[in-house]
Each structure stands twice: as structure tokens, then as C-alpha cells.
N, C-alpha and C. Protein backbone atom coordinates (compact mmCIF):
# COMPACT_ATOMS: atom_id res chain seq x y z
N MET A 1 55.72 54.86 126.29
CA MET A 1 57.17 55.00 126.43
C MET A 1 57.90 54.07 125.45
N LYS A 2 57.38 52.84 125.40
CA LYS A 2 58.00 51.86 124.51
C LYS A 2 57.89 52.30 123.07
N ARG A 3 56.68 52.83 122.71
CA ARG A 3 56.49 53.29 121.33
C ARG A 3 57.39 54.49 121.03
N ALA A 4 57.62 55.36 122.01
CA ALA A 4 58.49 56.52 121.83
C ALA A 4 59.93 56.07 121.56
N ILE A 5 60.38 55.05 122.35
CA ILE A 5 61.73 54.53 122.14
C ILE A 5 61.86 53.91 120.75
N GLN A 6 60.83 53.17 120.34
CA GLN A 6 60.85 52.57 119.00
C GLN A 6 60.92 53.65 117.92
N LEU A 7 60.15 54.74 118.12
CA LEU A 7 60.14 55.83 117.16
C LEU A 7 61.51 56.49 117.08
N ILE A 8 62.13 56.69 118.26
CA ILE A 8 63.47 57.29 118.31
C ILE A 8 64.48 56.41 117.55
N ILE A 9 64.38 55.09 117.76
CA ILE A 9 65.30 54.16 117.10
C ILE A 9 65.10 54.21 115.58
N ILE A 10 63.83 54.25 115.15
CA ILE A 10 63.55 54.30 113.70
C ILE A 10 64.09 55.59 113.09
N VAL A 11 63.85 56.71 113.77
CA VAL A 11 64.37 58.00 113.28
C VAL A 11 65.89 57.99 113.22
N ALA A 12 66.51 57.42 114.27
CA ALA A 12 67.98 57.34 114.29
C ALA A 12 68.51 56.49 113.14
N MET A 13 67.82 55.39 112.85
CA MET A 13 68.23 54.51 111.75
C MET A 13 68.11 55.23 110.40
N ILE A 14 67.01 55.97 110.22
CA ILE A 14 66.81 56.71 108.97
C ILE A 14 67.88 57.78 108.81
N LEU A 15 68.14 58.54 109.89
CA LEU A 15 69.18 59.57 109.84
C LEU A 15 70.55 58.95 109.57
N GLY A 16 70.81 57.84 110.23
CA GLY A 16 72.10 57.16 110.03
C GLY A 16 72.26 56.69 108.60
N TYR A 17 71.18 56.17 108.03
CA TYR A 17 71.24 55.70 106.64
C TYR A 17 71.50 56.87 105.69
N ASN A 18 70.81 58.00 105.92
CA ASN A 18 70.98 59.16 105.06
C ASN A 18 72.38 59.74 105.16
N LEU A 19 72.90 59.82 106.38
CA LEU A 19 74.25 60.32 106.57
C LEU A 19 75.28 59.39 105.94
N SER A 20 75.04 58.09 106.08
CA SER A 20 75.95 57.11 105.48
C SER A 20 75.94 57.22 103.97
N ALA A 21 74.74 57.35 103.39
CA ALA A 21 74.63 57.48 101.94
C ALA A 21 75.32 58.73 101.46
N LYS A 22 75.18 59.83 102.22
CA LYS A 22 75.85 61.07 101.85
C LYS A 22 77.35 60.93 101.93
N ALA A 23 77.84 60.23 102.96
CA ALA A 23 79.29 60.03 103.12
C ALA A 23 79.83 59.18 101.99
N GLN A 24 78.99 58.21 101.51
CA GLN A 24 79.44 57.34 100.44
C GLN A 24 79.32 57.98 99.07
N GLU A 25 78.62 59.12 99.00
CA GLU A 25 78.31 59.73 97.71
C GLU A 25 79.56 60.00 96.89
N LYS A 26 80.65 60.40 97.51
CA LYS A 26 81.85 60.81 96.80
C LYS A 26 82.93 59.73 96.83
N GLN A 27 82.57 58.49 97.16
CA GLN A 27 83.58 57.45 97.19
C GLN A 27 84.11 57.11 95.81
N TRP A 28 83.22 57.06 94.83
CA TRP A 28 83.61 56.67 93.47
C TRP A 28 83.22 57.76 92.49
N GLU A 29 84.09 57.96 91.51
CA GLU A 29 83.83 58.97 90.48
C GLU A 29 84.36 58.44 89.15
N HIS A 30 83.56 58.61 88.10
CA HIS A 30 83.96 58.18 86.77
C HIS A 30 84.25 59.40 85.91
N SER A 31 85.09 59.23 84.91
CA SER A 31 85.39 60.34 84.02
C SER A 31 85.75 59.84 82.63
N LEU A 32 85.46 60.68 81.65
CA LEU A 32 85.90 60.49 80.27
C LEU A 32 86.74 61.69 79.91
N TYR A 33 87.87 61.49 79.26
CA TYR A 33 88.75 62.62 78.98
C TYR A 33 89.48 62.45 77.65
N VAL A 34 89.84 63.59 77.08
CA VAL A 34 90.67 63.64 75.89
C VAL A 34 91.80 64.63 76.16
N SER A 35 92.93 64.43 75.49
CA SER A 35 94.04 65.35 75.65
C SER A 35 94.92 65.30 74.41
N SER A 36 95.68 66.35 74.21
CA SER A 36 96.62 66.40 73.10
C SER A 36 97.72 67.39 73.44
N GLY A 37 98.88 67.18 72.78
CA GLY A 37 100.00 68.06 73.06
C GLY A 37 101.27 67.61 72.38
N ILE A 38 102.39 67.93 72.99
CA ILE A 38 103.71 67.72 72.39
C ILE A 38 104.25 66.34 72.74
N PHE A 39 104.73 65.63 71.73
CA PHE A 39 105.41 64.34 71.88
C PHE A 39 106.91 64.57 71.71
N MET A 40 107.70 63.97 72.61
CA MET A 40 109.16 64.13 72.55
C MET A 40 109.85 62.77 72.66
N VAL A 41 110.87 62.58 71.83
CA VAL A 41 111.72 61.40 71.87
C VAL A 41 113.11 61.86 72.25
N THR A 42 113.69 61.25 73.29
CA THR A 42 115.05 61.62 73.71
C THR A 42 115.96 60.42 73.70
N ASP A 43 117.23 60.67 73.43
CA ASP A 43 118.28 59.66 73.47
C ASP A 43 119.27 60.10 74.55
N LEU A 44 119.33 59.36 75.65
CA LEU A 44 120.19 59.75 76.77
C LEU A 44 121.66 59.60 76.47
N THR A 45 122.00 58.89 75.38
CA THR A 45 123.41 58.75 74.99
C THR A 45 123.82 59.82 74.00
N ASP A 46 122.90 60.69 73.63
CA ASP A 46 123.16 61.72 72.63
C ASP A 46 122.37 62.96 73.02
N THR A 47 122.49 64.00 72.24
CA THR A 47 121.74 65.23 72.50
C THR A 47 120.46 65.27 71.67
N PHE A 48 120.12 64.16 71.02
CA PHE A 48 118.98 64.14 70.11
C PHE A 48 117.66 64.31 70.87
N VAL A 49 116.82 65.18 70.37
CA VAL A 49 115.44 65.32 70.84
C VAL A 49 114.53 65.44 69.62
N GLY A 50 113.67 64.45 69.42
CA GLY A 50 112.69 64.52 68.35
C GLY A 50 111.37 65.03 68.91
N LYS A 51 110.62 65.76 68.10
CA LYS A 51 109.36 66.33 68.57
C LYS A 51 108.23 65.98 67.62
N GLY A 52 107.04 65.88 68.17
CA GLY A 52 105.88 65.57 67.37
C GLY A 52 104.60 65.91 68.12
N PHE A 53 103.59 65.06 67.95
CA PHE A 53 102.24 65.34 68.46
C PHE A 53 101.67 64.09 69.10
N THR A 54 101.00 64.25 70.24
CA THR A 54 100.34 63.15 70.94
C THR A 54 98.85 63.44 71.06
N VAL A 55 98.02 62.41 70.85
CA VAL A 55 96.58 62.51 71.13
C VAL A 55 96.20 61.36 72.06
N LYS A 56 95.25 61.62 72.97
CA LYS A 56 94.84 60.62 73.96
C LYS A 56 93.33 60.66 74.13
N ALA A 57 92.77 59.53 74.53
CA ALA A 57 91.37 59.44 74.95
C ALA A 57 91.28 58.33 75.98
N GLY A 58 90.52 58.56 77.06
CA GLY A 58 90.50 57.54 78.10
C GLY A 58 89.29 57.61 79.02
N TYR A 59 89.20 56.57 79.83
CA TYR A 59 88.19 56.46 80.88
C TYR A 59 88.92 56.32 82.21
N GLY A 60 88.47 57.05 83.22
CA GLY A 60 89.08 56.98 84.54
C GLY A 60 88.06 56.64 85.61
N ILE A 61 88.49 55.88 86.60
CA ILE A 61 87.66 55.63 87.77
C ILE A 61 88.46 56.06 88.99
N ASN A 62 87.83 56.92 89.78
CA ASN A 62 88.50 57.57 90.90
C ASN A 62 87.92 57.07 92.21
N ARG A 63 88.77 56.61 93.11
CA ARG A 63 88.35 56.14 94.44
C ARG A 63 88.78 57.17 95.48
N TYR A 64 87.78 57.82 96.12
CA TYR A 64 88.05 58.81 97.16
C TYR A 64 88.20 58.12 98.51
N PHE A 65 89.30 58.43 99.20
CA PHE A 65 89.51 57.94 100.57
C PHE A 65 89.12 59.01 101.59
N THR A 66 89.29 60.27 101.22
CA THR A 66 88.76 61.40 101.97
C THR A 66 88.27 62.41 100.93
N GLU A 67 87.76 63.52 101.40
CA GLU A 67 87.31 64.56 100.48
C GLU A 67 88.46 65.10 99.64
N TYR A 68 89.68 64.97 100.16
CA TYR A 68 90.83 65.61 99.53
C TYR A 68 91.82 64.64 98.88
N ILE A 69 91.70 63.34 99.14
CA ILE A 69 92.67 62.37 98.63
C ILE A 69 91.94 61.27 97.86
N SER A 70 92.44 60.96 96.68
CA SER A 70 91.86 59.88 95.88
C SER A 70 92.95 59.21 95.05
N VAL A 71 92.61 58.05 94.50
CA VAL A 71 93.50 57.33 93.57
C VAL A 71 92.69 57.05 92.31
N MET A 72 93.26 57.43 91.16
CA MET A 72 92.58 57.21 89.89
C MET A 72 93.29 56.14 89.08
N SER A 73 92.52 55.21 88.55
CA SER A 73 93.02 54.25 87.58
C SER A 73 92.10 54.32 86.36
N GLY A 74 92.16 53.32 85.50
CA GLY A 74 91.33 53.33 84.31
C GLY A 74 92.08 52.77 83.13
N ILE A 75 91.67 53.18 81.94
CA ILE A 75 92.31 52.72 80.72
C ILE A 75 92.23 53.83 79.68
N ALA A 76 93.29 53.96 78.88
CA ALA A 76 93.34 55.02 77.88
C ALA A 76 94.06 54.51 76.64
N TRP A 77 93.80 55.19 75.54
CA TRP A 77 94.52 54.96 74.28
C TRP A 77 95.27 56.23 73.94
N HIS A 78 96.51 56.08 73.47
CA HIS A 78 97.18 57.27 72.97
C HIS A 78 98.07 56.95 71.79
N LYS A 79 98.28 57.96 70.96
CA LYS A 79 99.09 57.82 69.76
C LYS A 79 100.16 58.90 69.74
N ASP A 80 101.41 58.48 69.51
CA ASP A 80 102.54 59.40 69.39
C ASP A 80 102.95 59.49 67.93
N MET A 81 103.11 60.72 67.43
CA MET A 81 103.43 60.93 66.02
C MET A 81 104.55 61.96 65.90
N GLU A 82 105.73 61.49 65.57
CA GLU A 82 106.86 62.39 65.38
C GLU A 82 106.82 62.95 63.96
N ASN A 83 107.28 64.21 63.81
CA ASN A 83 107.33 64.86 62.49
C ASN A 83 105.98 64.78 61.77
N LEU A 84 104.91 65.09 62.51
CA LEU A 84 103.57 64.98 61.94
C LEU A 84 103.38 65.88 60.73
N PHE A 85 103.88 67.11 60.81
CA PHE A 85 103.64 68.08 59.74
C PHE A 85 104.81 68.19 58.77
N SER A 86 105.92 67.52 59.09
CA SER A 86 107.06 67.53 58.16
C SER A 86 107.71 66.15 58.18
N PRO A 87 107.01 65.12 57.64
CA PRO A 87 107.55 63.76 57.67
C PRO A 87 108.87 63.65 56.93
N VAL A 88 109.75 62.79 57.44
CA VAL A 88 111.04 62.59 56.81
C VAL A 88 111.09 61.18 56.25
N THR A 89 111.97 60.99 55.29
CA THR A 89 112.08 59.69 54.63
C THR A 89 113.04 58.79 55.38
N GLY A 90 113.04 57.52 54.99
CA GLY A 90 113.99 56.59 55.58
C GLY A 90 113.52 55.95 56.86
N GLY A 91 112.25 56.11 57.21
CA GLY A 91 111.73 55.45 58.40
C GLY A 91 112.21 56.02 59.71
N THR A 92 112.69 57.27 59.70
CA THR A 92 113.22 57.84 60.93
C THR A 92 112.15 58.53 61.78
N SER A 93 110.96 58.76 61.23
CA SER A 93 109.87 59.31 62.04
C SER A 93 109.21 58.19 62.83
N ASP A 94 108.89 58.46 64.10
CA ASP A 94 108.28 57.46 64.97
C ASP A 94 106.78 57.68 65.08
N TRP A 95 105.99 56.62 64.82
CA TRP A 95 104.54 56.64 64.99
C TRP A 95 104.16 55.40 65.79
N PHE A 96 103.63 55.61 67.00
CA PHE A 96 103.30 54.49 67.87
C PHE A 96 101.90 54.67 68.45
N GLU A 97 101.26 53.54 68.80
CA GLU A 97 99.99 53.57 69.53
C GLU A 97 100.11 52.70 70.78
N PHE A 98 99.44 53.13 71.86
CA PHE A 98 99.55 52.45 73.15
C PHE A 98 98.18 52.34 73.83
N ILE A 99 98.05 51.32 74.66
CA ILE A 99 97.00 51.25 75.67
C ILE A 99 97.67 51.53 77.02
N ASP A 100 97.13 52.50 77.76
CA ASP A 100 97.73 52.94 79.02
C ASP A 100 96.86 52.53 80.21
N ILE A 101 97.52 52.15 81.29
CA ILE A 101 96.84 51.92 82.57
C ILE A 101 97.52 52.81 83.61
N PRO A 102 96.91 53.91 84.00
CA PRO A 102 97.50 54.80 85.00
C PRO A 102 97.11 54.40 86.42
N LEU A 103 97.89 54.85 87.37
CA LEU A 103 97.56 54.70 88.79
C LEU A 103 98.04 55.98 89.48
N ILE A 104 97.15 56.95 89.58
CA ILE A 104 97.53 58.31 89.94
C ILE A 104 96.98 58.69 91.32
N LEU A 105 97.88 59.07 92.22
CA LEU A 105 97.49 59.62 93.52
C LEU A 105 97.14 61.08 93.33
N GLN A 106 95.94 61.48 93.79
CA GLN A 106 95.46 62.83 93.56
C GLN A 106 95.13 63.53 94.86
N ALA A 107 95.49 64.82 94.93
CA ALA A 107 95.13 65.69 96.05
C ALA A 107 94.18 66.75 95.51
N HIS A 108 93.01 66.90 96.14
CA HIS A 108 91.98 67.85 95.71
C HIS A 108 91.96 69.01 96.71
N LEU A 109 92.32 70.19 96.25
CA LEU A 109 92.48 71.34 97.13
C LEU A 109 91.32 72.30 96.94
N ASN A 110 90.69 72.67 98.02
CA ASN A 110 89.50 73.52 97.95
C ASN A 110 89.79 74.88 97.32
N ASP A 111 88.81 75.33 96.52
CA ASP A 111 88.82 76.70 96.00
C ASP A 111 87.76 77.48 96.76
N ASP A 112 87.68 78.78 96.49
CA ASP A 112 86.67 79.60 97.16
C ASP A 112 85.27 79.32 96.63
N VAL A 113 85.17 78.75 95.43
CA VAL A 113 83.87 78.46 94.83
C VAL A 113 83.43 77.06 95.24
N ALA A 114 82.17 76.92 95.64
CA ALA A 114 81.65 75.63 96.09
C ALA A 114 81.79 74.58 94.99
N ASP A 115 82.24 73.37 95.38
CA ASP A 115 82.41 72.22 94.49
C ASP A 115 83.59 72.35 93.53
N ASN A 116 84.29 73.49 93.54
CA ASN A 116 85.45 73.65 92.66
C ASN A 116 86.74 73.39 93.43
N LYS A 117 87.67 72.71 92.78
CA LYS A 117 88.92 72.36 93.46
C LYS A 117 90.09 72.38 92.48
N TRP A 118 91.27 72.64 93.01
CA TRP A 118 92.50 72.41 92.28
C TRP A 118 92.93 70.97 92.53
N LEU A 119 93.48 70.36 91.52
CA LEU A 119 93.90 68.96 91.62
C LEU A 119 95.40 68.85 91.31
N LEU A 120 96.12 68.17 92.18
CA LEU A 120 97.52 67.83 91.94
C LEU A 120 97.63 66.31 91.95
N GLY A 121 98.30 65.75 90.96
CA GLY A 121 98.40 64.30 90.88
C GLY A 121 99.76 63.84 90.41
N ILE A 122 100.11 62.62 90.81
CA ILE A 122 101.35 62.01 90.32
C ILE A 122 101.25 60.49 90.51
N GLY A 123 101.83 59.75 89.58
CA GLY A 123 101.81 58.30 89.69
C GLY A 123 102.33 57.63 88.43
N PRO A 124 102.45 56.30 88.44
CA PRO A 124 102.98 55.56 87.30
C PRO A 124 101.92 55.32 86.23
N VAL A 125 102.40 55.15 85.01
CA VAL A 125 101.54 54.74 83.88
C VAL A 125 102.21 53.55 83.21
N PHE A 126 101.45 52.47 83.07
CA PHE A 126 101.93 51.26 82.41
C PHE A 126 101.36 51.24 80.99
N SER A 127 102.23 51.21 79.99
CA SER A 127 101.79 51.32 78.59
C SER A 127 102.16 50.08 77.79
N PHE A 128 101.21 49.64 76.98
CA PHE A 128 101.41 48.46 76.14
C PHE A 128 101.25 48.87 74.68
N CYS A 129 102.30 48.66 73.90
CA CYS A 129 102.32 49.10 72.51
C CYS A 129 101.40 48.21 71.67
N THR A 130 100.42 48.81 71.02
CA THR A 130 99.49 48.06 70.18
C THR A 130 99.76 48.26 68.69
N LYS A 131 100.51 49.30 68.35
CA LYS A 131 100.89 49.52 66.96
C LYS A 131 102.31 50.07 66.93
N ASN A 132 103.25 49.22 66.58
CA ASN A 132 104.66 49.60 66.55
C ASN A 132 105.01 50.23 65.20
N ASP A 133 106.14 50.88 65.16
CA ASP A 133 106.70 51.38 63.92
C ASP A 133 107.87 50.49 63.54
N GLU A 134 108.25 50.49 62.27
CA GLU A 134 109.33 49.62 61.79
C GLU A 134 110.46 50.44 61.20
N TYR A 135 111.66 49.91 61.34
CA TYR A 135 112.81 50.53 60.70
C TYR A 135 112.68 50.37 59.18
N ALA A 136 112.98 51.45 58.48
CA ALA A 136 112.95 51.41 57.02
C ALA A 136 114.04 52.34 56.49
N TYR A 137 114.64 51.98 55.38
CA TYR A 137 115.76 52.73 54.83
C TYR A 137 115.56 52.93 53.34
N ASP A 138 116.01 54.06 52.84
CA ASP A 138 115.89 54.34 51.41
C ASP A 138 117.25 54.64 50.77
N ASP A 139 118.31 54.09 51.39
CA ASP A 139 119.65 54.35 50.85
C ASP A 139 120.12 53.25 49.91
N GLY A 140 119.26 52.29 49.62
CA GLY A 140 119.62 51.24 48.69
C GLY A 140 120.49 50.14 49.27
N GLU A 141 120.81 50.21 50.57
CA GLU A 141 121.66 49.21 51.20
C GLU A 141 120.82 48.27 52.06
N ALA A 142 121.34 47.07 52.27
CA ALA A 142 120.66 46.10 53.13
C ALA A 142 120.97 46.39 54.59
N HIS A 143 119.94 46.39 55.44
CA HIS A 143 120.11 46.65 56.86
C HIS A 143 119.47 45.53 57.65
N GLN A 144 120.16 45.10 58.69
CA GLN A 144 119.67 44.00 59.52
C GLN A 144 118.36 44.32 60.19
N SER A 145 118.16 45.58 60.54
CA SER A 145 116.96 45.97 61.28
C SER A 145 115.79 46.36 60.38
N SER A 146 115.99 46.40 59.08
CA SER A 146 114.93 46.83 58.16
C SER A 146 113.69 45.94 58.30
N GLY A 147 112.54 46.59 58.47
CA GLY A 147 111.28 45.87 58.62
C GLY A 147 110.99 45.37 60.01
N LEU A 148 111.89 45.61 60.97
CA LEU A 148 111.69 45.14 62.34
C LEU A 148 111.19 46.27 63.22
N ASP A 149 110.55 45.91 64.35
CA ASP A 149 109.97 46.90 65.26
C ASP A 149 111.03 47.81 65.85
N LYS A 150 110.62 49.06 66.09
CA LYS A 150 111.54 50.04 66.66
C LYS A 150 111.61 49.99 68.18
N ILE A 151 110.48 49.66 68.84
CA ILE A 151 110.47 49.75 70.30
C ILE A 151 109.92 48.47 70.93
N LYS A 152 110.15 48.35 72.22
CA LYS A 152 109.66 47.21 72.99
C LYS A 152 108.14 47.34 73.20
N ASN A 153 107.53 46.23 73.56
CA ASN A 153 106.07 46.21 73.67
C ASN A 153 105.55 46.83 74.96
N PHE A 154 106.43 47.12 75.92
CA PHE A 154 105.99 47.65 77.21
C PHE A 154 106.79 48.90 77.56
N ASN A 155 106.10 49.91 78.04
CA ASN A 155 106.76 51.13 78.50
C ASN A 155 106.25 51.49 79.88
N PHE A 156 107.05 52.24 80.62
CA PHE A 156 106.73 52.64 81.99
C PHE A 156 107.06 54.12 82.12
N ALA A 157 106.09 54.89 82.59
CA ALA A 157 106.27 56.34 82.67
C ALA A 157 105.75 56.87 84.00
N LEU A 158 106.15 58.09 84.32
CA LEU A 158 105.65 58.80 85.49
C LEU A 158 104.80 59.96 85.00
N MET A 159 103.58 60.06 85.54
CA MET A 159 102.66 61.12 85.12
C MET A 159 102.43 62.14 86.23
N PRO A 160 102.93 63.36 86.09
CA PRO A 160 102.50 64.46 86.96
C PRO A 160 101.34 65.19 86.28
N MET A 161 100.46 65.77 87.07
CA MET A 161 99.34 66.50 86.49
C MET A 161 98.86 67.60 87.43
N ILE A 162 98.30 68.64 86.82
CA ILE A 162 97.65 69.71 87.58
C ILE A 162 96.39 70.09 86.81
N ALA A 163 95.29 70.27 87.53
CA ALA A 163 94.02 70.55 86.87
C ALA A 163 93.13 71.39 87.77
N TYR A 164 92.14 72.00 87.14
CA TYR A 164 91.09 72.70 87.87
C TYR A 164 89.78 71.98 87.58
N GLU A 165 89.05 71.62 88.64
CA GLU A 165 87.85 70.82 88.44
C GLU A 165 86.64 71.48 89.09
N THR A 166 85.54 71.42 88.35
CA THR A 166 84.25 71.82 88.88
C THR A 166 83.49 70.53 89.22
N LYS A 167 82.20 70.64 89.45
CA LYS A 167 81.42 69.47 89.83
C LYS A 167 81.45 68.39 88.75
N HIS A 168 81.46 68.81 87.47
CA HIS A 168 81.38 67.83 86.39
C HIS A 168 82.47 67.99 85.33
N LEU A 169 83.36 68.96 85.47
CA LEU A 169 84.38 69.19 84.45
C LEU A 169 85.77 69.20 85.08
N ARG A 170 86.76 68.86 84.26
CA ARG A 170 88.15 68.92 84.70
C ARG A 170 89.01 69.39 83.52
N ILE A 171 89.79 70.45 83.73
CA ILE A 171 90.65 71.00 82.70
C ILE A 171 92.05 71.16 83.29
N GLY A 172 93.06 70.68 82.58
CA GLY A 172 94.39 70.77 83.14
C GLY A 172 95.50 70.39 82.17
N ILE A 173 96.65 70.14 82.76
CA ILE A 173 97.85 69.74 82.00
C ILE A 173 98.41 68.48 82.63
N GLU A 174 98.79 67.52 81.79
CA GLU A 174 99.39 66.29 82.27
C GLU A 174 100.63 65.97 81.46
N GLY A 175 101.58 65.29 82.09
CA GLY A 175 102.79 64.90 81.39
C GLY A 175 103.05 63.42 81.53
N ASN A 176 103.81 62.87 80.60
CA ASN A 176 104.30 61.50 80.69
C ASN A 176 105.81 61.54 80.56
N ILE A 177 106.51 61.14 81.60
CA ILE A 177 107.97 61.11 81.58
C ILE A 177 108.40 59.66 81.43
N GLY A 178 108.87 59.29 80.25
CA GLY A 178 109.24 57.91 79.97
C GLY A 178 110.46 57.49 80.77
N LEU A 179 110.33 56.48 81.61
CA LEU A 179 111.43 56.04 82.47
C LEU A 179 112.17 54.83 81.91
N ARG A 180 111.62 54.19 80.89
CA ARG A 180 112.24 52.98 80.36
C ARG A 180 112.83 53.23 78.98
N ASN A 181 114.03 52.69 78.76
CA ASN A 181 114.62 52.71 77.43
C ASN A 181 113.90 51.66 76.58
N VAL A 182 113.11 52.11 75.60
CA VAL A 182 112.29 51.18 74.83
C VAL A 182 112.89 50.84 73.46
N LYS A 183 114.07 51.33 73.17
CA LYS A 183 114.64 51.13 71.83
C LYS A 183 115.07 49.69 71.61
N LEU A 184 114.69 49.13 70.46
CA LEU A 184 115.16 47.82 70.03
C LEU A 184 116.33 48.03 69.06
N LEU A 185 117.48 47.41 69.37
CA LEU A 185 118.69 47.68 68.61
C LEU A 185 118.93 46.69 67.46
N HIS A 186 118.45 45.46 67.61
CA HIS A 186 118.58 44.43 66.58
C HIS A 186 120.03 44.19 66.15
N GLY A 187 120.95 44.40 67.05
CA GLY A 187 122.33 44.02 66.80
C GLY A 187 123.15 44.96 65.96
N GLU A 188 122.56 46.00 65.38
CA GLU A 188 123.34 46.88 64.50
C GLU A 188 123.21 48.35 64.87
N LEU A 189 122.29 48.68 65.78
CA LEU A 189 122.06 50.07 66.14
C LEU A 189 122.64 50.37 67.51
N SER A 190 122.59 51.62 67.91
CA SER A 190 123.08 52.03 69.23
C SER A 190 122.16 53.13 69.76
N GLY A 191 122.43 53.56 70.97
CA GLY A 191 121.65 54.64 71.55
C GLY A 191 120.49 54.14 72.38
N THR A 192 119.69 55.07 72.86
CA THR A 192 118.53 54.77 73.69
C THR A 192 117.33 55.53 73.14
N LYS A 193 116.16 55.18 73.64
CA LYS A 193 114.95 55.89 73.22
C LYS A 193 114.00 55.97 74.41
N HIS A 194 113.69 57.21 74.84
CA HIS A 194 112.71 57.44 75.89
C HIS A 194 111.60 58.32 75.31
N LEU A 195 110.36 57.95 75.60
CA LEU A 195 109.20 58.64 75.04
C LEU A 195 108.52 59.49 76.10
N HIS A 196 108.25 60.75 75.77
CA HIS A 196 107.63 61.68 76.71
C HIS A 196 106.53 62.45 75.99
N ASN A 197 105.62 63.01 76.77
CA ASN A 197 104.66 63.96 76.20
C ASN A 197 104.15 64.88 77.29
N ILE A 198 103.66 66.02 76.85
CA ILE A 198 102.98 66.96 77.75
C ILE A 198 101.73 67.45 77.02
N CYS A 199 100.57 67.29 77.66
CA CYS A 199 99.30 67.48 76.96
C CYS A 199 98.33 68.36 77.77
N ALA A 200 97.51 69.10 77.05
CA ALA A 200 96.36 69.78 77.65
C ALA A 200 95.21 68.78 77.69
N MET A 201 94.50 68.74 78.82
CA MET A 201 93.49 67.71 79.05
C MET A 201 92.13 68.34 79.36
N PHE A 202 91.08 67.71 78.84
CA PHE A 202 89.71 68.12 79.14
C PHE A 202 88.91 66.87 79.49
N GLY A 203 88.22 66.89 80.63
CA GLY A 203 87.49 65.72 81.08
C GLY A 203 86.10 66.05 81.59
N VAL A 204 85.22 65.05 81.50
CA VAL A 204 83.87 65.16 82.04
C VAL A 204 83.73 64.12 83.16
N LYS A 205 83.23 64.54 84.33
CA LYS A 205 83.11 63.67 85.49
C LYS A 205 81.64 63.36 85.78
N PHE A 206 81.41 62.15 86.28
CA PHE A 206 80.05 61.77 86.64
C PHE A 206 80.07 60.67 87.69
């Protein structure tokens, strides 16, 4: 009888360990992703909208709290390039590089196919400018801002996203809505500058 009880306890412990390991299996998820799309510069004091091209590459770490809810953070690099295919003179085209730290709340919605889900996400992105652009002029006049940085070193954006994910792949669309006026005026300029993008994204999960 005693040996039977011991055997039952051992079996229960093994089953408990296996169930626990299975429950923990989806707690953490890593991903590598690239994306590209439209870059937009807006001035809220004017009707100006500049357009260009954005490229991104990043690493994400996803913490699952349930099968359907997770929070993703990580680190990414992105480059914004205005007037990529038709550059203009006088330093009016914007070219910037950033390191991004996102914090995205994600909802994973079941599809009819096993392991496949729709993903809806939204959250803040903290961006640090690693390569600024400078004001430059070709009109032959002296300008106070000439040779100085165009934007502040820190930007804050809101990222909405929608994607379709399989067991190891994720394909979707993500946006960055710039919430901070990043324009540096240097005492002689006016207006505001908000940076936005909308990109197609492809990721690998593991």
C-alpha cells in the first residue's frame, strides 16, 4: 500500500511537471523582423506634408500572460528618408536614423487554422535619434541655423499594428504616429515637425 501511494505521488509529480512545462512553453517568444513603407513629416501649424521612405529592422521579446494577451518590447533601428527618389537642394530633405524601444500590448485572436492567429497591437515607442540631419542653405545668405541639427534627440510615438501570425511567421502592417514636436527652431525658424510612418512588416518567431 505504501509503495502504491509512493508510486501515485511520483506519477502525479511527473504529470504536474509536464503540465507546468507545457503551460510555460508560450510564456516567452522572440522575434526578428524587418519592415518598410511610407515616411511622412507634418507641420501642425501649416498644411505641409512631406513624404519619403522608412526602413526598419528589429528584435522583439514577447511576454505572454495568457494565450491571447501579451506585451512585446525589444529594440529596433529605423531610418527615415524624405524625398528619397527626388532629392531637393537647400537641406530641406529630412534624413534621420533612430534606435526604437517599443512597448506594445498585443491581443492574439484565434483563426480556424491551428497555431494561426490574428494579432492586434497598440502601445508607445520611445525613439532616440542616432543620426540627425542639419539645416543647409544654398541661397548665398548667412543663416543662424545653418549646420545645426534639425530635430531633438528624443521622439515619442504611438504604434498601432495588425498582423497575421503562424507558428513561426508574422506578416502585417504597423504605424508610427509621432506625438512629439521634434523640430529645433534655433531662434530663426517657426512651425512644428511630427514624424510618422506606416510600414509593411515581416517577422520570424522562435
